[in-house]
């Protein structure tokens, strides 16, 4: 009897979410289930009822879309879309597991799901662990970012590196990000350096100097100096070519470092450690080569503030595609 009552309560909660856009009993996981279900039916009205006002605005002001389109039309416009003739086309998503973590008026819901696609010569599927971020507005839990599901159902070839990172708020976006101190130093053998011209990118994206050392544990340590302290949602792509004296070949180590909400550092580099000393970003990561070698350095910067719907008036990049967020290019960017 008890199990039957529980099942009935869960059923009523799911119906409540679908009809009102609110999670019965203040349950972010129920909002996530309703949101995922809307992709299977292309139900833009349900999707947009679950959005914050900022995320609604983000969809209705998306570059490249016809003006005056409603949020439901824009939010569902790319579901099942394929950019190329051989692009897998989204057909259905099934939730495999779901877990929520609530911290006051914010919540993170982790959704593990199987995405199914139409493709020639046979259908394909992939399992993906998504992260949805919600904020509580009044009695409602609302989505602050579209999550990975929006990109996967559009078969996007490229997704922003910050897609699964916690949302950056408008209150923090326009000031330098906090700089957590590095718990290490770059004190090894000098292995390369570069300087880059000033004023060839917005100041917070303008790299001026990079120096490298090889540490006793054979890791690479970089010190990166920018013209001005970076803002949240800044991404640095770093590249190190490892050249040995007895070979014309070289090994490349590359990856990105992201500056996120409250200055949190994220990276795709192996064995990454990061922090700040005297206004310089210190980045330490595993090398690819062994023995004695020198480094040729390079990279790029960009801002991904456009992809943070809570930000009003985000920093944009230079050039004729400002929403791409392009900043500086330095050294040997690859």
C-alpha atoms as a PDB file:
ATOM      1  CA  UNK A   1       0.000   0.000   0.000  1.00  0.00           C
ATOM      2  CA  UNK A   2       2.778   2.395   0.932  1.00  0.00           C
ATOM      3  CA  UNK A   3       4.576   1.781  -2.407  1.00  0.00           C
ATOM      4  CA  UNK A   4       1.323   2.430  -4.277  1.00  0.00           C
ATOM      5  CA  UNK A   5       0.799   5.774  -2.501  1.00  0.00           C
ATOM      6  CA  UNK A   6       4.385   6.804  -3.265  1.00  0.00           C
ATOM      7  CA  UNK A   7       3.927   5.980  -6.945  1.00  0.00           C
ATOM      8  CA  UNK A   8       0.702   8.017  -7.028  1.00  0.00           C
ATOM      9  CA  UNK A   9       2.427  11.023  -5.424  1.00  0.00           C
ATOM     10  CA  UNK A  10       5.250  10.856  -7.974  1.00  0.00           C
ATOM     11  CA  UNK A  11       2.734  10.660 -10.813  1.00  0.00           C
ATOM     12  CA  UNK A  12       0.851  13.716  -9.513  1.00  0.00           C
ATOM     13  CA  UNK A  13       4.155  15.603  -9.175  1.00  0.00           C
ATOM     14  CA  UNK A  14       5.101  14.878 -12.781  1.00  0.00           C
ATOM     15  CA  UNK A  15       1.693  16.079 -14.042  1.00  0.00           C
ATOM     16  CA  UNK A  16       1.979  19.223 -11.934  1.00  0.00           C
ATOM     17  CA  UNK A  17       5.371  20.045 -13.436  1.00  0.00           C
ATOM     18  CA  UNK A  18       4.175  19.501 -16.997  1.00  0.00           C
ATOM     19  CA  UNK A  19       1.100  21.716 -16.502  1.00  0.00           C
ATOM     20  CA  UNK A  20       2.484  24.571 -14.431  1.00  0.00           C
ATOM     21  CA  UNK A  21       6.271  24.583 -14.923  1.00  0.00           C
ATOM     22  CA  UNK A  22       6.708  24.266 -11.173  1.00  0.00           C
ATOM     23  CA  UNK A  23       8.144  21.363  -9.235  1.00  0.00           C
ATOM     24  CA  UNK A  24       5.565  20.044  -6.798  1.00  0.00           C
ATOM     25  CA  UNK A  25       7.028  20.176  -3.292  1.00  0.00           C
ATOM     26  CA  UNK A  26       9.993  22.237  -4.512  1.00  0.00           C
ATOM     27  CA  UNK A  27      11.739  19.384  -6.281  1.00  0.00           C
ATOM     28  CA  UNK A  28      14.423  20.425  -8.833  1.00  0.00           C
ATOM     29  CA  UNK A  29      14.681  16.831 -10.099  1.00  0.00           C
ATOM     30  CA  UNK A  30      11.016  16.951 -11.144  1.00  0.00           C
ATOM     31  CA  UNK A  31      11.711  20.114 -13.138  1.00  0.00           C
ATOM     32  CA  UNK A  32      14.618  18.336 -14.830  1.00  0.00           C
ATOM     33  CA  UNK A  33      12.408  15.359 -15.745  1.00  0.00           C
ATOM     34  CA  UNK A  34       9.770  17.636 -17.217  1.00  0.00           C
ATOM     35  CA  UNK A  35      12.418  19.568 -19.145  1.00  0.00           C
ATOM     36  CA  UNK A  36      13.950  16.421 -20.632  1.00  0.00           C
ATOM     37  CA  UNK A  37      10.516  15.059 -21.508  1.00  0.00           C
ATOM     38  CA  UNK A  38       9.737  18.232 -23.453  1.00  0.00           C
ATOM     39  CA  UNK A  39      12.559  17.443 -25.894  1.00  0.00           C
ATOM     40  CA  UNK A  40      10.867  14.199 -26.915  1.00  0.00           C
ATOM     41  CA  UNK A  41       7.680  16.044 -27.864  1.00  0.00           C
ATOM     42  CA  UNK A  42       9.252  19.381 -28.929  1.00  0.00           C
ATOM     43  CA  UNK A  43       7.111  21.036 -26.275  1.00  0.00           C
ATOM     44  CA  UNK A  44       8.592  24.520 -26.236  1.00  0.00           C
ATOM     45  CA  UNK A  45       5.843  25.927 -24.035  1.00  0.00           C
ATOM     46  CA  UNK A  46       6.741  23.568 -21.203  1.00  0.00           C
ATOM     47  CA  UNK A  47      10.459  24.237 -21.709  1.00  0.00           C
ATOM     48  CA  UNK A  48      10.076  27.999 -21.513  1.00  0.00           C
ATOM     49  CA  UNK A  49       7.807  27.815 -18.438  1.00  0.00           C
ATOM     50  CA  UNK A  50      10.727  26.126 -16.691  1.00  0.00           C
ATOM     51  CA  UNK A  51      13.206  28.887 -17.630  1.00  0.00           C
ATOM     52  CA  UNK A  52      14.240  31.923 -15.630  1.00  0.00           C
ATOM     53  CA  UNK A  53      13.231  35.220 -17.215  1.00  0.00           C
ATOM     54  CA  UNK A  54      16.889  35.671 -18.200  1.00  0.00           C
ATOM     55  CA  UNK A  55      17.004  32.338 -20.030  1.00  0.00           C
ATOM     56  CA  UNK A  56      13.750  33.203 -21.805  1.00  0.00           C
ATOM     57  CA  UNK A  57      15.320  36.487 -22.910  1.00  0.00           C
ATOM     58  CA  UNK A  58      18.480  34.688 -24.023  1.00  0.00           C
ATOM     59  CA  UNK A  59      16.519  32.441 -26.360  1.00  0.00           C
ATOM     60  CA  UNK A  60      14.371  35.224 -27.832  1.00  0.00           C
ATOM     61  CA  UNK A  61      17.446  37.366 -28.544  1.00  0.00           C
ATOM     62  CA  UNK A  62      19.656  34.657 -29.988  1.00  0.00           C
ATOM     63  CA  UNK A  63      21.876  35.890 -32.867  1.00  0.00           C
ATOM     64  CA  UNK A  64      20.956  34.599 -36.298  1.00  0.00           C
ATOM     65  CA  UNK A  65      17.303  33.950 -35.443  1.00  0.00           C
ATOM     66  CA  UNK A  66      14.450  35.956 -36.937  1.00  0.00           C
ATOM     67  CA  UNK A  67      13.323  38.767 -34.667  1.00  0.00           C
ATOM     68  CA  UNK A  68      10.062  38.537 -32.720  1.00  0.00           C
ATOM     69  CA  UNK A  69      10.111  34.732 -32.496  1.00  0.00           C
ATOM     70  CA  UNK A  70       8.712  33.423 -29.226  1.00  0.00           C
ATOM     71  CA  UNK A  71      10.774  31.473 -26.712  1.00  0.00           C
ATOM     72  CA  UNK A  72       8.961  28.171 -27.474  1.00  0.00           C
ATOM     73  CA  UNK A  73       9.742  28.487 -31.186  1.00  0.00           C
ATOM     74  CA  UNK A  74      13.426  29.315 -30.687  1.00  0.00           C
ATOM     75  CA  UNK A  75      13.998  26.760 -27.919  1.00  0.00           C
ATOM     76  CA  UNK A  76      12.732  23.912 -30.112  1.00  0.00           C
ATOM     77  CA  UNK A  77      13.984  25.178 -33.483  1.00  0.00           C
ATOM     78  CA  UNK A  78      17.064  22.948 -33.557  1.00  0.00           C
ATOM     79  CA  UNK A  79      15.705  19.778 -31.938  1.00  0.00           C
ATOM     80  CA  UNK A  80      16.387  17.005 -34.468  1.00  0.00           C
ATOM     81  CA  UNK A  81      18.350  19.378 -36.686  1.00  0.00           C
ATOM     82  CA  UNK A  82      21.342  18.202 -38.728  1.00  0.00           C
ATOM     83  CA  UNK A  83      23.883  20.616 -40.145  1.00  0.00           C
ATOM     84  CA  UNK A  84      25.270  18.145 -42.690  1.00  0.00           C
ATOM     85  CA  UNK A  85      23.710  15.331 -44.698  1.00  0.00           C
ATOM     86  CA  UNK A  86      25.539  12.724 -42.602  1.00  0.00           C
ATOM     87  CA  UNK A  87      24.752  14.355 -39.243  1.00  0.00           C
ATOM     88  CA  UNK A  88      22.988  12.010 -36.790  1.00  0.00           C
ATOM     89  CA  UNK A  89      19.474  13.376 -36.170  1.00  0.00           C
ATOM     90  CA  UNK A  90      18.081  13.354 -32.637  1.00  0.00           C
ATOM     91  CA  UNK A  91      14.979  11.228 -32.168  1.00  0.00           C
ATOM     92  CA  UNK A  92      14.507  10.391 -28.471  1.00  0.00           C
ATOM     93  CA  UNK A  93      16.122  10.714 -25.054  1.00  0.00           C
ATOM     94  CA  UNK A  94      15.614   8.377 -22.090  1.00  0.00           C
ATOM     95  CA  UNK A  95      16.645   9.283 -18.558  1.00  0.00           C
ATOM     96  CA  UNK A  96      18.689   6.514 -16.927  1.00  0.00           C
ATOM     97  CA  UNK A  97      19.287   8.155 -13.552  1.00  0.00           C
ATOM     98  CA  UNK A  98      18.788  11.504 -11.902  1.00  0.00           C
ATOM     99  CA  UNK A  99      20.182  13.084  -8.740  1.00  0.00           C
ATOM    100  CA  UNK A 100      19.781  16.513  -7.215  1.00  0.00           C
ATOM    101  CA  UNK A 101      21.852  18.634  -4.850  1.00  0.00           C
ATOM    102  CA  UNK A 102      20.128  21.639  -3.278  1.00  0.00           C
ATOM    103  CA  UNK A 103      22.041  24.497  -1.649  1.00  0.00           C
ATOM    104  CA  UNK A 104      19.632  27.166  -0.436  1.00  0.00           C
ATOM    105  CA  UNK A 105      18.058  28.848  -3.484  1.00  0.00           C
ATOM    106  CA  UNK A 106      20.267  27.075  -6.030  1.00  0.00           C
ATOM    107  CA  UNK A 107      20.367  23.472  -7.155  1.00  0.00           C
ATOM    108  CA  UNK A 108      22.308  21.168  -9.446  1.00  0.00           C
ATOM    109  CA  UNK A 109      20.622  18.184 -11.051  1.00  0.00           C
ATOM    110  CA  UNK A 110      22.785  15.507 -12.659  1.00  0.00           C
ATOM    111  CA  UNK A 111      20.929  13.660 -15.399  1.00  0.00           C
ATOM    112  CA  UNK A 112      22.410  10.539 -16.970  1.00  0.00           C
ATOM    113  CA  UNK A 113      20.526   9.816 -20.178  1.00  0.00           C
ATOM    114  CA  UNK A 114      20.678   7.845 -23.412  1.00  0.00           C
ATOM    115  CA  UNK A 115      20.300   9.931 -26.564  1.00  0.00           C
ATOM    116  CA  UNK A 116      19.074   8.111 -29.670  1.00  0.00           C
ATOM    117  CA  UNK A 117      19.727   9.360 -33.205  1.00  0.00           C
ATOM    118  CA  UNK A 118      18.629   8.484 -36.713  1.00  0.00           C
ATOM    119  CA  UNK A 119      21.691   7.788 -38.846  1.00  0.00           C
ATOM    120  CA  UNK A 120      22.669   5.866 -41.950  1.00  0.00           C
ATOM    121  CA  UNK A 121      23.279   2.950 -42.222  1.00  0.00           C
ATOM    122  CA  UNK A 122      21.937   2.299 -38.693  1.00  0.00           C
ATOM    123  CA  UNK A 123      20.739   4.316 -35.695  1.00  0.00           C
ATOM    124  CA  UNK A 124      23.266   5.412 -33.096  1.00  0.00           C
ATOM    125  CA  UNK A 125      22.969   6.211 -29.407  1.00  0.00           C
ATOM    126  CA  UNK A 126      25.169   7.774 -26.760  1.00  0.00           C
ATOM    127  CA  UNK A 127      25.000   7.996 -22.969  1.00  0.00           C
ATOM    128  CA  UNK A 128      25.728  11.435 -21.536  1.00  0.00           C
ATOM    129  CA  UNK A 129      25.897  12.795 -17.989  1.00  0.00           C
ATOM    130  CA  UNK A 130      24.305  16.246 -18.066  1.00  0.00           C
ATOM    131  CA  UNK A 131      24.308  18.927 -15.373  1.00  0.00           C
ATOM    132  CA  UNK A 132      21.354  21.274 -15.035  1.00  0.00           C
ATOM    133  CA  UNK A 133      21.480  24.351 -12.811  1.00  0.00           C
ATOM    134  CA  UNK A 134      18.370  25.826 -11.234  1.00  0.00           C
ATOM    135  CA  UNK A 135      17.571  28.828  -9.061  1.00  0.00           C
ATOM    136  CA  UNK A 136      14.545  29.283  -6.857  1.00  0.00           C
ATOM    137  CA  UNK A 137      12.348  32.232  -7.776  1.00  0.00           C
ATOM    138  CA  UNK A 138       9.420  32.549  -5.401  1.00  0.00           C
ATOM    139  CA  UNK A 139       7.967  29.050  -5.095  1.00  0.00           C
ATOM    140  CA  UNK A 140       9.388  27.863  -8.424  1.00  0.00           C
ATOM    141  CA  UNK A 141      12.619  26.129  -9.324  1.00  0.00           C
ATOM    142  CA  UNK A 142      13.712  27.497 -12.702  1.00  0.00           C
ATOM    143  CA  UNK A 143      16.504  26.611 -15.127  1.00  0.00           C
ATOM    144  CA  UNK A 144      19.354  29.128 -15.346  1.00  0.00           C
ATOM    145  CA  UNK A 145      21.169  27.484 -18.307  1.00  0.00           C
ATOM    146  CA  UNK A 146      19.922  25.229 -21.129  1.00  0.00           C
ATOM    147  CA  UNK A 147      22.180  22.321 -20.183  1.00  0.00           C
ATOM    148  CA  UNK A 148      23.922  19.830 -22.437  1.00  0.00           C
ATOM    149  CA  UNK A 149      20.591  18.399 -23.614  1.00  0.00           C
ATOM    150  CA  UNK A 150      19.908  21.473 -25.755  1.00  0.00           C
ATOM    151  CA  UNK A 151      23.182  20.999 -27.644  1.00  0.00           C
ATOM    152  CA  UNK A 152      22.936  17.214 -27.958  1.00  0.00           C
ATOM    153  CA  UNK A 153      19.416  17.280 -29.368  1.00  0.00           C
ATOM    154  CA  UNK A 154      20.641  19.744 -32.009  1.00  0.00           C
ATOM    155  CA  UNK A 155      23.590  17.448 -32.897  1.00  0.00           C
ATOM    156  CA  UNK A 156      25.931  20.393 -32.285  1.00  0.00           C
ATOM    157  CA  UNK A 157      29.448  19.815 -33.595  1.00  0.00           C
ATOM    158  CA  UNK A 158      30.890  22.395 -31.208  1.00  0.00           C
ATOM    159  CA  UNK A 159      29.708  23.212 -27.720  1.00  0.00           C
ATOM    160  CA  UNK A 160      30.952  25.906 -25.327  1.00  0.00           C
ATOM    161  CA  UNK A 161      33.502  24.603 -22.857  1.00  0.00           C
ATOM    162  CA  UNK A 162      31.419  26.111 -20.055  1.00  0.00           C
ATOM    163  CA  UNK A 163      28.270  24.185 -21.039  1.00  0.00           C
ATOM    164  CA  UNK A 164      28.240  22.114 -17.822  1.00  0.00           C
ATOM    165  CA  UNK A 165      29.856  24.670 -15.498  1.00  0.00           C
ATOM    166  CA  UNK A 166      27.839  26.460 -12.783  1.00  0.00           C
ATOM    167  CA  UNK A 167      26.168  29.634 -14.083  1.00  0.00           C
ATOM    168  CA  UNK A 168      27.964  32.953 -13.829  1.00  0.00           C
ATOM    169  CA  UNK A 169      25.750  35.673 -12.357  1.00  0.00           C
ATOM    170  CA  UNK A 170      25.348  39.195 -13.644  1.00  0.00           C
ATOM    171  CA  UNK A 171      26.544  40.564 -10.304  1.00  0.00           C
ATOM    172  CA  UNK A 172      29.997  38.996 -10.738  1.00  0.00           C
ATOM    173  CA  UNK A 173      30.376  39.095 -14.522  1.00  0.00           C
ATOM    174  CA  UNK A 174      31.580  42.663 -14.974  1.00  0.00           C
ATOM    175  CA  UNK A 175      34.358  42.678 -12.377  1.00  0.00           C
ATOM    176  CA  UNK A 176      37.629  40.731 -12.247  1.00  0.00           C
ATOM    177  CA  UNK A 177      37.142  37.148 -11.143  1.00  0.00           C
ATOM    178  CA  UNK A 178      38.488  36.172  -7.714  1.00  0.00           C
ATOM    179  CA  UNK A 179      42.032  34.812  -7.906  1.00  0.00           C
ATOM    180  CA  UNK A 180      42.518  31.811  -5.609  1.00  0.00           C
ATOM    181  CA  UNK A 181      46.157  31.501  -4.569  1.00  0.00           C
ATOM    182  CA  UNK A 182      48.349  28.847  -6.181  1.00  0.00           C
ATOM    183  CA  UNK A 183      49.507  26.224  -3.701  1.00  0.00           C
ATOM    184  CA  UNK A 184      52.694  25.684  -5.731  1.00  0.00           C
ATOM    185  CA  UNK A 185      55.414  27.654  -7.475  1.00  0.00           C
ATOM    186  CA  UNK A 186      56.997  27.486 -10.930  1.00  0.00           C
ATOM    187  CA  UNK A 187      60.536  27.019  -9.646  1.00  0.00           C
ATOM    188  CA  UNK A 188      61.962  24.389 -12.002  1.00  0.00           C
ATOM    189  CA  UNK A 189      64.289  24.635 -14.982  1.00  0.00           C
ATOM    190  CA  UNK A 190      63.461  27.457 -17.423  1.00  0.00           C
ATOM    191  CA  UNK A 191      62.208  25.935 -20.681  1.00  0.00           C
ATOM    192  CA  UNK A 192      60.738  28.731 -22.790  1.00  0.00           C
ATOM    193  CA  UNK A 193      58.964  32.082 -22.788  1.00  0.00           C
ATOM    194  CA  UNK A 194      57.188  34.567 -25.030  1.00  0.00           C
ATOM    195  CA  UNK A 195      55.971  38.138 -25.040  1.00  0.00           C
ATOM    196  CA  UNK A 196      52.921  39.333 -26.953  1.00  0.00           C
ATOM    197  CA  UNK A 197      51.995  42.845 -28.147  1.00  0.00           C
ATOM    198  CA  UNK A 198      49.652  44.980 -26.076  1.00  0.00           C
ATOM    199  CA  UNK A 199      46.177  46.131 -27.093  1.00  0.00           C
ATOM    200  CA  UNK A 200      45.535  43.393 -29.665  1.00  0.00           C
ATOM    201  CA  UNK A 201      42.517  42.160 -27.655  1.00  0.00           C
ATOM    202  CA  UNK A 202      40.226  43.443 -24.893  1.00  0.00           C
ATOM    203  CA  UNK A 203      42.428  44.057 -21.848  1.00  0.00           C
ATOM    204  CA  UNK A 204      41.020  41.170 -19.785  1.00  0.00           C
ATOM    205  CA  UNK A 205      41.737  38.792 -22.710  1.00  0.00           C
ATOM    206  CA  UNK A 206      45.096  40.305 -23.718  1.00  0.00           C
ATOM    207  CA  UNK A 207      47.992  37.954 -22.878  1.00  0.00           C
ATOM    208  CA  UNK A 208      51.298  39.824 -22.497  1.00  0.00           C
ATOM    209  CA  UNK A 209      53.784  37.207 -21.255  1.00  0.00           C
ATOM    210  CA  UNK A 210      54.040  33.446 -20.822  1.00  0.00           C
ATOM    211  CA  UNK A 211      57.000  31.667 -19.256  1.00  0.00           C
ATOM    212  CA  UNK A 212      57.538  27.957 -18.700  1.00  0.00           C
ATOM    213  CA  UNK A 213      59.546  25.755 -16.388  1.00  0.00           C
ATOM    214  CA  UNK A 214      59.997  22.002 -16.226  1.00  0.00           C
ATOM    215  CA  UNK A 215      59.546  20.853 -12.662  1.00  0.00           C
ATOM    216  CA  UNK A 216      61.468  18.047 -10.892  1.00  0.00           C
ATOM    217  CA  UNK A 217      58.483  15.693 -11.346  1.00  0.00           C
ATOM    218  CA  UNK A 218      58.667  16.376 -15.117  1.00  0.00           C
ATOM    219  CA  UNK A 219      55.460  18.435 -15.090  1.00  0.00           C
ATOM    220  CA  UNK A 220      55.230  21.693 -17.023  1.00  0.00           C
ATOM    221  CA  UNK A 221      54.506  24.907 -15.144  1.00  0.00           C
ATOM    222  CA  UNK A 222      53.336  28.035 -16.978  1.00  0.00           C
ATOM    223  CA  UNK A 223      53.055  31.598 -15.708  1.00  0.00           C
ATOM    224  CA  UNK A 224      50.584  33.685 -17.724  1.00  0.00           C
ATOM    225  CA  UNK A 225      50.357  37.475 -17.383  1.00  0.00           C
ATOM    226  CA  UNK A 226      47.444  39.406 -18.882  1.00  0.00           C
ATOM    227  CA  UNK A 227      47.024  43.133 -19.458  1.00  0.00           C
ATOM    228  CA  UNK A 228      44.110  43.241 -16.996  1.00  0.00           C
ATOM    229  CA  UNK A 229      42.622  40.709 -14.581  1.00  0.00           C
ATOM    230  CA  UNK A 230      40.285  38.347 -16.453  1.00  0.00           C
ATOM    231  CA  UNK A 231      36.535  38.295 -15.965  1.00  0.00           C
ATOM    232  CA  UNK A 232      34.502  35.184 -15.197  1.00  0.00           C
ATOM    233  CA  UNK A 233      33.776  33.002 -18.265  1.00  0.00           C
ATOM    234  CA  UNK A 234      37.266  33.565 -19.693  1.00  0.00           C
ATOM    235  CA  UNK A 235      38.892  30.603 -21.437  1.00  0.00           C
ATOM    236  CA  UNK A 236      42.618  30.255 -22.115  1.00  0.00           C
ATOM    237  CA  UNK A 237      43.697  27.600 -24.591  1.00  0.00           C
ATOM    238  CA  UNK A 238      47.334  26.686 -24.006  1.00  0.00           C
ATOM    239  CA  UNK A 239      49.717  24.760 -26.225  1.00  0.00           C
ATOM    240  CA  UNK A 240      53.234  23.526 -25.469  1.00  0.00           C
ATOM    241  CA  UNK A 241      55.429  21.924 -28.118  1.00  0.00           C
ATOM    242  CA  UNK A 242      58.066  19.708 -26.489  1.00  0.00           C
ATOM    243  CA  UNK A 243      61.224  19.746 -28.639  1.00  0.00           C
ATOM    244  CA  UNK A 244      64.161  17.417 -27.975  1.00  0.00           C
ATOM    245  CA  UNK A 245      67.616  18.180 -29.356  1.00  0.00           C
ATOM    246  CA  UNK A 246      68.100  14.865 -31.208  1.00  0.00           C
ATOM    247  CA  UNK A 247      64.811  14.735 -33.143  1.00  0.00           C
ATOM    248  CA  UNK A 248      62.982  16.820 -35.720  1.00  0.00           C
ATOM    249  CA  UNK A 249      59.705  15.589 -34.268  1.00  0.00           C
ATOM    250  CA  UNK A 250      58.040  17.129 -31.250  1.00  0.00           C
ATOM    251  CA  UNK A 251      55.262  16.246 -28.847  1.00  0.00           C
ATOM    252  CA  UNK A 252      52.304  18.594 -28.317  1.00  0.00           C
ATOM    253  CA  UNK A 253      50.452  19.080 -25.052  1.00  0.00           C
ATOM    254  CA  UNK A 254      47.395  21.329 -25.249  1.00  0.00           C
ATOM    255  CA  UNK A 255      44.239  22.017 -23.338  1.00  0.00           C
ATOM    256  CA  UNK A 256      42.148  24.789 -21.873  1.00  0.00           C
ATOM    257  CA  UNK A 257      41.774  26.572 -18.544  1.00  0.00           C
ATOM    258  CA  UNK A 258      38.378  28.101 -17.714  1.00  0.00           C
ATOM    259  CA  UNK A 259      37.693  30.816 -15.150  1.00  0.00           C
ATOM    260  CA  UNK A 260      34.197  30.237 -13.845  1.00  0.00           C
ATOM    261  CA  UNK A 261      31.738  31.223 -11.148  1.00  0.00           C
ATOM    262  CA  UNK A 262      33.473  32.781  -8.122  1.00  0.00           C
ATOM    263  CA  UNK A 263      36.845  32.379  -9.866  1.00  0.00           C
ATOM    264  CA  UNK A 264      36.778  28.564  -9.857  1.00  0.00           C
ATOM    265  CA  UNK A 265      39.368  27.136 -12.253  1.00  0.00           C
ATOM    266  CA  UNK A 266      38.528  24.211 -14.548  1.00  0.00           C
ATOM    267  CA  UNK A 267      40.802  22.545 -17.079  1.00  0.00           C
ATOM    268  CA  UNK A 268      41.060  19.800 -19.668  1.00  0.00           C
ATOM    269  CA  UNK A 269      44.819  19.473 -19.040  1.00  0.00           C
ATOM    270  CA  UNK A 270      46.053  16.227 -17.521  1.00  0.00           C
ATOM    271  CA  UNK A 271      46.979  16.419 -13.818  1.00  0.00           C
ATOM    272  CA  UNK A 272      45.980  20.087 -13.755  1.00  0.00           C
ATOM    273  CA  UNK A 273      46.775  22.399 -10.871  1.00  0.00           C
ATOM    274  CA  UNK A 274      46.101  26.115 -11.035  1.00  0.00           C
ATOM    275  CA  UNK A 275      46.075  29.329  -9.035  1.00  0.00           C
ATOM    276  CA  UNK A 276      47.348  32.888  -8.898  1.00  0.00           C
ATOM    277  CA  UNK A 277      50.495  34.592  -7.639  1.00  0.00           C
ATOM    278  CA  UNK A 278      51.066  38.355  -7.862  1.00  0.00           C
ATOM    279  CA  UNK A 279      48.406  38.741 -10.540  1.00  0.00           C
ATOM    280  CA  UNK A 280      49.793  35.961 -12.768  1.00  0.00           C
ATOM    281  CA  UNK A 281      47.956  32.735 -13.537  1.00  0.00           C
ATOM    282  CA  UNK A 282      50.019  29.665 -12.621  1.00  0.00           C
ATOM    283  CA  UNK A 283      49.147  26.487 -14.524  1.00  0.00           C
ATOM    284  CA  UNK A 284      50.822  23.139 -13.859  1.00  0.00           C
ATOM    285  CA  UNK A 285      50.107  19.958 -15.834  1.00  0.00           C
ATOM    286  CA  UNK A 286      51.609  16.665 -16.962  1.00  0.00           C
ATOM    287  CA  UNK A 287      54.220  16.672 -19.733  1.00  0.00           C
ATOM    288  CA  UNK A 288      54.117  14.307 -22.662  1.00  0.00           C
ATOM    289  CA  UNK A 289      57.856  13.851 -23.196  1.00  0.00           C
ATOM    290  CA  UNK A 290      60.605  12.549 -20.955  1.00  0.00           C
ATOM    291  CA  UNK A 291      64.188  13.649 -20.595  1.00  0.00           C
ATOM    292  CA  UNK A 292      65.621  16.989 -21.676  1.00  0.00           C
ATOM    293  CA  UNK A 293      63.574  19.230 -23.962  1.00  0.00           C
ATOM    294  CA  UNK A 294      62.640  22.847 -24.629  1.00  0.00           C
ATOM    295  CA  UNK A 295      59.172  24.307 -25.131  1.00  0.00           C
ATOM    296  CA  UNK A 296      57.577  26.395 -27.846  1.00  0.00           C
ATOM    297  CA  UNK A 297      54.514  28.075 -26.355  1.00  0.00           C
ATOM    298  CA  UNK A 298      51.285  29.486 -27.710  1.00  0.00           C
ATOM    299  CA  UNK A 299      47.560  29.744 -27.266  1.00  0.00           C
ATOM    300  CA  UNK A 300      44.419  31.816 -27.519  1.00  0.00           C
ATOM    301  CA  UNK A 301      41.920  33.506 -25.236  1.00  0.00           C
ATOM    302  CA  UNK A 302      38.191  34.009 -25.533  1.00  0.00           C
ATOM    303  CA  UNK A 303      35.194  35.027 -23.496  1.00  0.00           C
ATOM    304  CA  UNK A 304      32.143  32.805 -23.218  1.00  0.00           C
ATOM    305  CA  UNK A 305      29.985  35.310 -21.350  1.00  0.00           C
ATOM    306  CA  UNK A 306      27.436  35.202 -24.174  1.00  0.00           C
ATOM    307  CA  UNK A 307      26.679  31.582 -23.196  1.00  0.00           C
ATOM    308  CA  UNK A 308      25.788  32.636 -19.637  1.00  0.00           C
ATOM    309  CA  UNK A 309      22.109  33.683 -19.784  1.00  0.00           C
ATOM    310  CA  UNK A 310      22.130  35.349 -16.351  1.00  0.00           C
ATOM    311  CA  UNK A 311      24.619  37.965 -17.602  1.00  0.00           C
ATOM    312  CA  UNK A 312      23.167  41.219 -18.907  1.00  0.00           C
ATOM    313  CA  UNK A 313      25.416  42.986 -21.421  1.00  0.00           C
ATOM    314  CA  UNK A 314      28.039  40.194 -21.673  1.00  0.00           C
ATOM    315  CA  UNK A 315      31.568  40.865 -22.845  1.00  0.00           C
ATOM    316  CA  UNK A 316      31.841  39.897 -26.512  1.00  0.00           C
ATOM    317  CA  UNK A 317      34.827  39.049 -28.673  1.00  0.00           C
ATOM    318  CA  UNK A 318      36.571  40.978 -31.402  1.00  0.00           C
ATOM    319  CA  UNK A 319      36.104  40.594 -35.160  1.00  0.00           C
ATOM    320  CA  UNK A 320      32.991  40.154 -37.268  1.00  0.00           C
ATOM    321  CA  UNK A 321      31.707  37.243 -35.122  1.00  0.00           C
ATOM    322  CA  UNK A 322      31.634  38.838 -31.648  1.00  0.00           C
ATOM    323  CA  UNK A 323      29.426  36.090 -30.168  1.00  0.00           C
ATOM    324  CA  UNK A 324      32.272  33.625 -30.739  1.00  0.00           C
ATOM    325  CA  UNK A 325      34.103  35.559 -28.028  1.00  0.00           C
ATOM    326  CA  UNK A 326      37.502  35.666 -29.757  1.00  0.00           C
ATOM    327  CA  UNK A 327      40.238  37.417 -27.796  1.00  0.00           C
ATOM    328  CA  UNK A 328      44.009  37.131 -28.170  1.00  0.00           C
ATOM    329  CA  UNK A 329      46.224  34.783 -30.157  1.00  0.00           C
ATOM    330  CA  UNK A 330      49.811  34.447 -28.997  1.00  0.00           C
ATOM    331  CA  UNK A 331      52.949  32.484 -29.800  1.00  0.00           C
ATOM    332  CA  UNK A 332      52.269  29.244 -31.670  1.00  0.00           C
ATOM    333  CA  UNK A 333      48.526  28.748 -31.140  1.00  0.00           C
ATOM    334  CA  UNK A 334      48.392  25.625 -33.303  1.00  0.00           C
END
